[in-house]
Protein backbone atom coordinates (compact mmCIF):
# COMPACT_ATOMS: atom_id res chain seq x y z
CA MET A 1 -198.97 -45.16 -123.27
CA ILE A 2 -199.69 -46.56 -119.75
CA GLU A 3 -202.48 -44.86 -118.13
CA PRO A 4 -201.62 -43.33 -114.53
CA LEU A 5 -203.79 -44.09 -111.76
CA THR A 6 -206.37 -41.55 -110.68
CA ASP A 7 -205.08 -38.91 -108.13
CA GLY A 8 -207.59 -40.22 -105.55
CA LEU A 9 -206.40 -43.80 -105.84
CA ALA A 10 -202.84 -42.84 -106.11
CA HIS A 11 -203.24 -40.84 -102.75
CA ARG A 12 -204.82 -43.95 -100.92
CA VAL A 13 -202.00 -46.24 -102.34
CA LEU A 14 -199.31 -43.96 -100.90
CA ALA A 15 -201.11 -43.99 -97.60
CA HIS A 16 -201.03 -47.80 -97.79
CA LEU A 17 -197.35 -47.73 -98.59
CA GLY A 18 -196.63 -45.34 -95.76
CA LEU A 19 -195.37 -42.52 -97.99
CA ALA A 20 -196.14 -38.97 -98.69
CA ARG A 21 -196.28 -37.76 -102.24
CA ALA A 22 -192.98 -36.09 -103.36
CA LYS A 23 -191.33 -34.75 -106.58
CA PRO A 24 -190.05 -37.46 -108.87
CA SER A 25 -186.32 -38.32 -108.01
CA VAL A 26 -184.20 -41.47 -107.91
CA THR A 27 -184.31 -41.35 -104.11
CA TYR A 28 -188.07 -41.12 -103.90
CA LEU A 29 -188.11 -44.06 -106.45
CA GLY A 30 -186.12 -45.97 -104.06
CA HIS A 31 -188.46 -45.31 -101.32
CA LEU A 32 -191.44 -46.42 -103.39
CA VAL A 33 -189.58 -49.54 -104.31
CA ALA A 34 -188.68 -50.43 -100.77
CA ALA A 35 -192.12 -49.57 -99.35
CA TYR A 36 -193.74 -51.68 -101.96
CA GLY A 37 -191.78 -54.71 -100.94
CA GLN A 38 -192.79 -54.41 -97.30
CA ARG A 39 -196.46 -53.57 -98.00
CA VAL A 40 -197.46 -55.52 -101.02
CA PRO A 41 -196.80 -59.20 -101.10
CA TRP A 42 -195.52 -61.15 -104.08
CA GLU A 43 -198.06 -63.84 -104.15
CA SER A 44 -199.82 -66.35 -106.41
CA VAL A 45 -202.93 -66.62 -104.13
CA SER A 46 -205.11 -63.87 -105.67
CA ARG A 47 -204.53 -65.11 -109.20
CA ILE A 48 -205.14 -68.90 -108.44
CA ALA A 49 -208.36 -67.79 -106.64
CA ARG A 50 -209.46 -65.54 -109.44
CA ARG A 51 -208.95 -67.89 -112.16
CA ALA A 52 -211.14 -70.39 -110.56
CA TYR A 53 -214.25 -68.19 -111.55
CA CYS A 54 -213.03 -65.58 -114.19
CA LEU A 55 -214.14 -65.43 -117.83
CA PRO A 56 -211.68 -66.73 -120.37
CA GLY A 57 -210.43 -64.41 -123.01
CA GLY A 58 -209.14 -61.69 -121.12
CA GLY A 59 -211.55 -61.54 -118.14
CA CYS A 60 -208.98 -62.76 -115.71
CA PRO A 61 -206.29 -60.10 -115.28
CA ARG A 62 -206.56 -57.74 -112.48
CA TRP A 63 -205.76 -54.61 -114.26
CA PRO A 64 -204.05 -51.74 -112.14
CA GLU A 65 -207.31 -50.30 -110.60
CA ILE A 66 -208.48 -53.55 -109.50
CA PHE A 67 -204.93 -54.66 -108.37
CA TRP A 68 -204.74 -51.66 -106.03
CA GLU A 69 -208.29 -51.65 -104.66
CA GLU A 70 -207.78 -55.38 -103.74
CA ALA A 71 -204.36 -54.61 -102.32
CA LEU A 72 -205.92 -52.04 -100.15
CA SER A 73 -208.95 -54.13 -99.12
CA LEU A 74 -207.61 -57.66 -99.03
CA GLY A 75 -203.92 -57.25 -98.54
CA THR A 76 -203.15 -59.04 -101.63
CA GLY A 77 -200.40 -58.42 -104.33
CA GLY A 78 -199.63 -60.42 -107.30
CA THR A 79 -196.88 -61.76 -109.67
CA CYS A 80 -194.85 -59.82 -112.18
CA PHE A 81 -197.24 -59.28 -114.99
CA GLU A 82 -199.86 -57.71 -112.87
CA SER A 83 -197.52 -56.11 -110.21
CA ASN A 84 -195.26 -54.25 -112.56
CA LEU A 85 -198.19 -52.86 -114.48
CA ALA A 86 -199.94 -51.74 -111.40
CA PHE A 87 -196.57 -50.20 -109.97
CA PHE A 88 -195.78 -48.42 -113.21
CA SER A 89 -199.26 -46.92 -113.25
CA LEU A 90 -198.69 -45.65 -109.68
CA LEU A 91 -195.30 -44.32 -111.07
CA ARG A 92 -196.96 -42.52 -113.78
CA ALA A 93 -199.51 -40.94 -111.50
CA LEU A 94 -196.51 -39.43 -109.50
CA GLY A 95 -194.81 -38.00 -112.36
CA PHE A 96 -192.19 -40.64 -113.42
CA GLU A 97 -191.67 -41.52 -117.22
CA GLY A 98 -190.36 -44.67 -118.56
CA TYR A 99 -191.68 -48.06 -119.91
CA LEU A 100 -192.39 -51.73 -119.29
CA THR A 101 -190.26 -54.55 -120.53
CA ILE A 102 -190.71 -58.28 -120.82
CA ASN A 103 -187.61 -60.34 -119.90
CA ASN A 104 -186.02 -63.80 -119.69
CA MET A 105 -184.80 -66.18 -116.99
CA SER A 106 -182.30 -68.56 -118.24
CA GLU A 107 -183.99 -70.43 -121.03
CA SER A 108 -187.57 -69.23 -120.07
CA ILE A 109 -188.24 -66.46 -122.59
CA GLY A 110 -190.70 -63.80 -121.97
CA CYS A 111 -191.53 -65.14 -118.49
CA HIS A 112 -190.69 -61.85 -116.41
CA THR A 113 -191.58 -58.20 -116.59
CA ALA A 114 -189.83 -55.14 -115.11
CA CYS A 115 -190.23 -51.39 -115.12
CA VAL A 116 -187.55 -49.11 -116.45
CA VAL A 117 -187.65 -45.47 -115.07
CA GLU A 118 -186.07 -42.67 -117.24
CA TRP A 119 -184.68 -39.93 -114.97
CA GLY A 120 -181.96 -37.13 -115.52
CA GLY A 121 -180.79 -38.75 -118.64
CA GLU A 122 -180.21 -42.09 -117.19
CA GLN A 123 -182.42 -45.27 -116.90
CA TRP A 124 -183.24 -47.25 -113.82
CA LEU A 125 -184.53 -50.71 -113.27
CA ALA A 126 -187.54 -50.51 -110.96
CA ASP A 127 -188.81 -54.07 -110.58
CA ALA A 128 -191.87 -54.69 -108.23
CA GLY A 129 -192.43 -57.97 -109.67
CA TYR A 130 -189.33 -60.00 -108.75
CA PRO A 131 -189.12 -58.04 -106.44
CA VAL A 132 -185.86 -56.15 -106.74
CA TYR A 133 -185.84 -54.08 -103.53
CA ALA A 134 -183.68 -51.16 -104.88
CA PRO A 135 -183.54 -49.26 -108.12
CA LEU A 136 -180.56 -50.27 -110.45
CA ARG A 137 -178.94 -47.77 -112.71
CA ILE A 138 -178.74 -49.37 -116.35
CA ASP A 139 -175.31 -48.69 -117.88
CA PRO A 140 -174.35 -50.26 -121.25
CA LEU A 141 -170.70 -49.63 -120.49
CA GLY A 142 -170.31 -51.50 -117.24
CA GLU A 143 -171.64 -53.03 -114.12
CA THR A 144 -173.85 -51.13 -111.71
CA GLN A 145 -174.94 -52.04 -108.16
CA ALA A 146 -177.44 -51.35 -105.58
CA SER A 147 -177.95 -52.33 -102.00
CA SER A 148 -181.17 -52.75 -99.85
CA PRO A 149 -181.63 -53.86 -96.26
CA TRP A 150 -182.53 -57.40 -97.74
CA MET A 151 -180.46 -57.97 -100.81
CA ASP A 152 -177.54 -56.53 -102.74
CA TYR A 153 -177.83 -56.32 -106.41
CA SER A 154 -175.78 -55.99 -109.66
CA LEU A 155 -176.67 -55.31 -113.22
CA THR A 156 -174.14 -56.39 -115.82
CA PRO A 157 -174.39 -55.82 -119.64
CA ALA A 158 -174.48 -59.18 -121.62
CA GLY A 159 -175.24 -57.88 -125.27
CA PRO A 160 -177.20 -55.29 -126.96
CA ASP A 161 -180.08 -54.31 -124.67
CA GLU A 162 -179.31 -57.27 -122.40
CA TYR A 163 -178.31 -57.12 -118.80
CA ILE A 164 -177.77 -59.75 -116.16
CA VAL A 165 -179.31 -59.08 -112.88
CA THR A 166 -177.83 -60.90 -109.80
CA GLN A 167 -178.63 -60.89 -106.03
CA SER A 168 -176.76 -61.74 -102.96
CA PRO A 169 -176.86 -63.30 -100.35
CA HIS A 170 -179.00 -65.73 -102.20
CA ALA A 171 -178.86 -69.45 -102.97
CA ARG A 172 -179.43 -68.72 -106.59
CA PRO A 173 -177.56 -65.37 -107.38
CA TYR A 174 -178.91 -65.18 -111.00
CA ALA A 175 -182.30 -63.42 -110.89
CA PHE A 176 -183.17 -62.80 -114.58
CA THR A 177 -182.03 -61.16 -117.83
CA LEU A 178 -183.40 -57.61 -118.54
CA ILE A 179 -184.32 -57.15 -122.13
CA ASN A 180 -184.11 -53.30 -122.09
CA LYS A 181 -186.51 -52.66 -124.98
CA PRO A 182 -189.96 -50.92 -124.52
CA VAL A 183 -193.03 -53.06 -125.05
CA SER A 184 -196.29 -51.80 -126.12
CA ILE A 185 -199.25 -51.78 -123.65
CA ALA A 186 -201.08 -54.05 -126.26
CA ARG A 187 -198.47 -56.61 -126.25
CA TYR A 188 -198.02 -56.40 -122.32
CA ARG A 189 -201.77 -56.84 -121.81
CA ALA A 190 -201.89 -59.76 -124.15
CA ALA A 191 -198.93 -61.39 -122.25
CA THR A 192 -200.93 -60.79 -119.08
CA ILE A 193 -203.90 -62.43 -120.35
CA ASP A 194 -201.82 -65.27 -121.56
CA ASP A 195 -200.35 -65.71 -118.19
CA TYR A 196 -203.66 -66.88 -116.84
CA GLY A 197 -203.75 -69.65 -119.63
CA GLU A 198 -202.69 -73.31 -119.50
CA GLN A 199 -198.95 -72.26 -119.70
CA GLY A 200 -199.36 -69.64 -117.11
CA LEU A 201 -197.04 -69.46 -114.29
CA PHE A 202 -197.42 -70.11 -110.61
CA LEU A 203 -201.09 -71.23 -111.03
CA SER A 204 -200.44 -74.50 -109.47
CA ARG A 205 -198.50 -73.37 -106.58
CA ILE A 206 -199.39 -71.01 -103.60
CA ILE A 207 -196.43 -68.72 -103.05
CA VAL A 208 -196.40 -65.73 -100.71
CA LEU A 209 -193.42 -63.53 -100.08
CA ARG A 210 -192.83 -60.17 -98.41
CA ALA A 211 -190.19 -58.18 -96.87
CA SER A 212 -190.14 -56.96 -93.27
CA PRO A 213 -187.43 -55.08 -91.43
CA GLY A 214 -184.60 -57.35 -90.99
CA HIS A 215 -185.88 -60.32 -92.87
CA VAL A 216 -188.01 -61.81 -95.89
CA GLN A 217 -190.44 -64.35 -95.39
CA ARG A 218 -191.66 -66.87 -97.99
CA PHE A 219 -194.10 -69.76 -98.31
CA ASP A 220 -194.17 -72.23 -101.20
CA SER A 221 -196.81 -74.96 -101.21
CA SER A 222 -194.78 -77.03 -103.62
CA GLN A 223 -192.18 -77.73 -100.81
CA GLU A 224 -194.77 -79.61 -98.75
CA THR A 225 -193.28 -78.62 -95.52
CA ASN A 226 -196.10 -76.64 -94.20
CA ALA A 227 -193.57 -73.98 -92.96
CA VAL A 228 -192.62 -70.54 -93.75
CA GLU A 229 -188.98 -69.73 -94.78
CA VAL A 230 -187.43 -66.81 -92.81
CA PHE A 231 -184.22 -65.30 -94.35
CA GLU A 232 -182.33 -63.29 -92.03
CA GLY A 233 -178.74 -62.22 -92.28
CA GLY A 234 -177.81 -64.55 -95.04
CA GLN A 235 -179.40 -67.52 -93.04
CA LYS A 236 -182.60 -69.49 -93.37
CA ARG A 237 -184.90 -70.94 -90.78
CA GLU A 238 -188.31 -72.47 -91.04
CA GLU A 239 -191.26 -71.80 -88.92
CA ALA A 240 -194.15 -74.31 -88.84
CA LEU A 241 -197.54 -72.98 -89.79
CA GLY A 242 -199.77 -75.57 -87.83
CA ASP A 243 -202.99 -77.33 -88.66
CA ASP A 244 -204.60 -74.49 -90.50
CA PRO A 245 -202.08 -73.03 -92.83
CA ALA A 246 -204.56 -70.74 -94.52
CA ALA A 247 -205.13 -68.84 -91.16
CA ALA A 248 -201.49 -68.99 -90.26
CA LEU A 249 -200.49 -67.21 -93.55
CA SER A 250 -203.28 -64.66 -93.39
CA ALA A 251 -202.15 -63.64 -89.87
CA ARG A 252 -198.47 -63.59 -90.90
CA PHE A 253 -198.70 -61.89 -94.38
CA GLY A 254 -202.10 -59.76 -94.01
CA VAL A 255 -203.69 -61.68 -96.92
CA ASN A 256 -207.35 -61.86 -96.77
CA LEU A 257 -208.26 -65.30 -95.38
CA ARG A 258 -211.30 -65.90 -97.70
CA VAL A 259 -209.02 -65.47 -100.66
CA LEU A 260 -206.30 -67.85 -99.19
CA ARG A 261 -209.01 -70.45 -98.61
CA GLU A 262 -210.45 -70.21 -102.11
CA ALA A 263 -206.77 -70.64 -103.61
CA PHE A 264 -206.13 -73.76 -101.46
CA ALA A 265 -209.57 -75.11 -102.42
CA ALA A 266 -208.82 -74.26 -106.17
CA LEU A 267 -205.54 -76.26 -105.99
CA ARG A 268 -207.35 -79.26 -104.28
CA GLY A 269 -209.73 -79.54 -107.10
């Protein structure tokens, strides 16, 4: 069983998301998913910085309480393993039920996580770790769709307990393959620890992404353009960061400057 956040921390997180507490519903779940995407960045900065000094063998992951305290104080977020566990712990504190899944991206097996919420006899994909900006109803009998201000989505059955998640407008419409099977917290925690290991994802690239009204902004250090990509209305433009990219990213995304500088320094070796 996934432990819920304490009431006090859940209250502070809701304030950070700009939401009031409400009874569980699909509508409220949609508000939570959309608010998360705008207030909590998808980023690899915090885990790159943390990996530089954490203890091996399970000492690296930022479990939900740490994740949320740093989100509140440092403006950080995370990648899917930590983000979805933290988001699901918030959902549990708010009265939602469901489970966590570990999913695939094409030939990459077990590389992406997602939450599944059970409500009113139905199941809903609620993925803070991609992120998917709207809940998607899971229907084994046919395709379902959902829209958000930033992206439209579809979820299509592809086999027993398997669903293809697609997004548009996007240069790569395929997002991931949902494996709709609950995973134990022990397995999930082990996979999260492993994600800080030698085969861990996004430990050699600084990526920061966050939605804002009308557009999505993304920085990826592997592109070596020293610019932020801005996606708006199906179009992309680039905005240069200048001579101090860490400071520019901090100002743009709200991520703590010290953490950004530590991440850049870690990648330089």
